[in-house]
């Protein structure tokens, strides 16, 4: 079995100088398990038995299984608004301002989950925000890669 993809993308499935037959052998092993219907147990970790995860955004974030990430179009900076230490979504060369989060893998205990998301925000100026998540809804943009989580939250400037 061989593909003609570029090796640097991590899509090679031919023997290679760097990995030999390792990738081929692992594919064979896991294809066999998949065909037998074997579902491996979820890995245990520090948040396996937790009912919630959270992060407090500040100059240094306080994380409890939820981690804020910096990315090309998701850049934040420490801020203080209304006497509260927080993080501000900063402009980048890309359109929009995003704040990205990652949940510890050991927290997700089912293939599909219903979750509640609580966001504390300062309503000082106009604008709004939307929550999107990696989803399994194939009718969502990019076949569910980004699923919209309901309504937009409109900021009224009401402090």
Protein backbone atom coordinates (compact mmCIF):
# COMPACT_ATOMS: atom_id res chain seq x y z
CA UNK A 1 0.00 0.00 0.00
CA UNK A 2 1.42 3.38 -0.91
CA UNK A 3 0.27 6.95 -1.32
CA UNK A 4 1.90 9.78 -3.21
CA UNK A 5 1.37 12.41 -0.54
CA UNK A 6 4.23 14.48 0.77
CA UNK A 7 5.99 12.91 3.75
CA UNK A 8 6.22 16.18 5.71
CA UNK A 9 2.40 16.25 5.96
CA UNK A 10 2.47 13.04 7.97
CA UNK A 11 0.41 11.21 5.36
CA UNK A 12 2.96 8.66 4.19
CA UNK A 13 1.88 5.06 4.33
CA UNK A 14 4.88 3.57 2.55
CA UNK A 15 7.99 2.33 4.27
CA UNK A 16 10.36 5.23 4.83
CA UNK A 17 13.95 5.76 5.81
CA UNK A 18 12.92 7.49 9.04
CA UNK A 19 10.29 5.02 10.28
CA UNK A 20 10.88 1.83 8.30
CA UNK A 21 7.73 -0.33 8.39
CA UNK A 22 6.44 1.06 11.70
CA UNK A 23 3.58 3.07 10.16
CA UNK A 24 2.57 0.18 7.89
CA UNK A 25 2.56 -2.29 10.79
CA UNK A 26 0.53 0.05 13.03
CA UNK A 27 -2.01 0.58 10.25
CA UNK A 28 -2.36 -3.18 9.82
CA UNK A 29 -2.79 -3.70 13.58
CA UNK A 30 -5.48 -1.04 13.99
CA UNK A 31 -7.34 -1.88 10.77
CA UNK A 32 -7.63 -5.46 12.03
CA UNK A 33 -8.99 -4.26 15.39
CA UNK A 34 -11.43 -1.90 13.63
CA UNK A 35 -12.75 -4.69 11.42
CA UNK A 36 -13.31 -6.87 14.50
CA UNK A 37 -15.36 -4.08 16.08
CA UNK A 38 -12.92 -3.57 18.94
CA UNK A 39 -13.44 -0.21 20.64
CA UNK A 40 -10.43 0.64 22.79
CA UNK A 41 -11.12 2.07 26.25
CA UNK A 42 -10.73 5.79 26.63
CA UNK A 43 -7.40 6.69 28.18
CA UNK A 44 -7.58 7.66 31.85
CA UNK A 45 -6.08 10.93 32.92
CA UNK A 46 -6.20 13.68 35.50
CA UNK A 47 -9.76 14.79 34.55
CA UNK A 48 -11.37 11.38 33.91
CA UNK A 49 -13.63 11.58 36.96
CA UNK A 50 -14.38 15.31 36.82
CA UNK A 51 -17.85 16.68 36.07
CA UNK A 52 -16.58 20.04 34.81
CA UNK A 53 -13.49 21.81 33.54
CA UNK A 54 -12.73 25.52 33.63
CA UNK A 55 -10.19 28.24 33.01
CA UNK A 56 -9.89 31.66 34.60
CA UNK A 57 -8.38 34.03 32.05
CA UNK A 58 -5.87 36.50 33.51
CA UNK A 59 -2.27 37.63 33.03
CA UNK A 60 -1.47 34.00 33.83
CA UNK A 61 -4.44 31.70 33.28
CA UNK A 62 -5.59 29.35 36.02
CA UNK A 63 -6.52 26.10 34.29
CA UNK A 64 -8.58 23.17 35.50
CA UNK A 65 -8.72 20.91 32.44
CA UNK A 66 -9.59 23.72 30.00
CA UNK A 67 -6.69 25.51 28.34
CA UNK A 68 -6.70 28.76 26.38
CA UNK A 69 -4.44 28.55 23.30
CA UNK A 70 -2.70 31.22 21.25
CA UNK A 71 -2.90 30.79 17.47
CA UNK A 72 -2.36 32.85 14.30
CA UNK A 73 -5.85 34.37 14.34
CA UNK A 74 -6.45 33.80 18.04
CA UNK A 75 -4.12 36.13 19.92
CA UNK A 76 -4.95 37.47 23.38
CA UNK A 77 -3.29 39.85 25.80
CA UNK A 78 -3.68 40.40 29.53
CA UNK A 79 -6.07 43.24 30.33
CA UNK A 80 -7.97 44.81 33.19
CA UNK A 81 -11.55 45.92 32.58
CA UNK A 82 -13.81 47.33 35.27
CA UNK A 83 -11.24 46.37 37.91
CA UNK A 84 -11.23 42.72 36.78
CA UNK A 85 -8.11 41.04 35.40
CA UNK A 86 -8.92 39.23 32.16
CA UNK A 87 -7.68 38.61 28.62
CA UNK A 88 -8.53 40.65 25.55
CA UNK A 89 -8.85 39.24 22.02
CA UNK A 90 -6.30 41.17 19.99
CA UNK A 91 -6.39 42.15 16.31
CA UNK A 92 -4.18 40.16 13.94
CA UNK A 93 -3.47 40.25 10.22
CA UNK A 94 -6.44 37.88 9.83
CA UNK A 95 -10.12 38.81 9.82
CA UNK A 96 -11.93 38.41 13.11
CA UNK A 97 -10.70 37.96 16.65
CA UNK A 98 -10.76 34.50 18.14
CA UNK A 99 -10.02 32.88 21.48
CA UNK A 100 -9.24 29.17 21.26
CA UNK A 101 -9.58 26.56 23.97
CA UNK A 102 -8.64 22.90 24.34
CA UNK A 103 -10.21 20.47 26.78
CA UNK A 104 -7.99 17.85 28.37
CA UNK A 105 -8.55 14.57 26.50
CA UNK A 106 -9.23 12.69 29.73
CA UNK A 107 -12.35 14.81 30.40
CA UNK A 108 -14.28 13.75 27.28
CA UNK A 109 -15.94 10.54 28.37
CA UNK A 110 -18.33 9.91 25.45
CA UNK A 111 -18.27 10.21 21.66
CA UNK A 112 -21.14 12.69 21.88
CA UNK A 113 -21.78 14.91 24.85
CA UNK A 114 -24.22 17.61 25.83
CA UNK A 115 -22.34 20.35 27.63
CA UNK A 116 -23.11 23.68 29.24
CA UNK A 117 -20.73 26.56 28.58
CA UNK A 118 -20.61 29.53 30.94
CA UNK A 119 -18.84 32.68 29.75
CA UNK A 120 -18.29 35.75 31.89
CA UNK A 121 -17.80 38.84 29.73
CA UNK A 122 -17.68 42.61 30.09
CA UNK A 123 -20.40 44.35 28.06
CA UNK A 124 -18.71 47.72 27.58
CA UNK A 125 -18.88 48.29 23.82
CA UNK A 126 -20.89 47.03 20.89
CA UNK A 127 -20.01 43.78 19.16
CA UNK A 128 -20.72 40.20 19.94
CA UNK A 129 -19.36 36.71 20.19
CA UNK A 130 -20.24 33.22 19.06
CA UNK A 131 -19.21 29.84 20.41
CA UNK A 132 -18.13 27.20 17.90
CA UNK A 133 -16.80 23.73 18.59
CA UNK A 134 -15.34 20.71 16.84
CA UNK A 135 -18.46 18.76 16.08
CA UNK A 136 -19.88 15.72 14.38
CA UNK A 137 -22.68 17.48 12.45
CA UNK A 138 -21.79 16.77 8.82
CA UNK A 139 -24.14 19.54 7.65
CA UNK A 140 -22.10 22.16 9.55
CA UNK A 141 -19.30 24.08 7.80
CA UNK A 142 -16.34 21.96 6.79
CA UNK A 143 -18.36 18.77 7.49
CA UNK A 144 -18.68 19.54 11.18
CA UNK A 145 -15.16 20.76 11.78
CA UNK A 146 -16.72 23.94 13.20
CA UNK A 147 -20.21 23.66 14.61
CA UNK A 148 -22.10 26.78 15.69
CA UNK A 149 -23.40 26.43 19.25
CA UNK A 150 -26.67 28.34 19.04
CA UNK A 151 -27.29 32.06 19.15
CA UNK A 152 -24.83 34.91 18.85
CA UNK A 153 -24.38 36.92 22.02
CA UNK A 154 -24.81 40.61 21.19
CA UNK A 155 -23.00 43.11 23.37
CA UNK A 156 -25.12 46.16 24.16
CA UNK A 157 -22.56 48.45 25.77
CA UNK A 158 -24.53 48.31 29.02
CA UNK A 159 -21.53 47.86 31.34
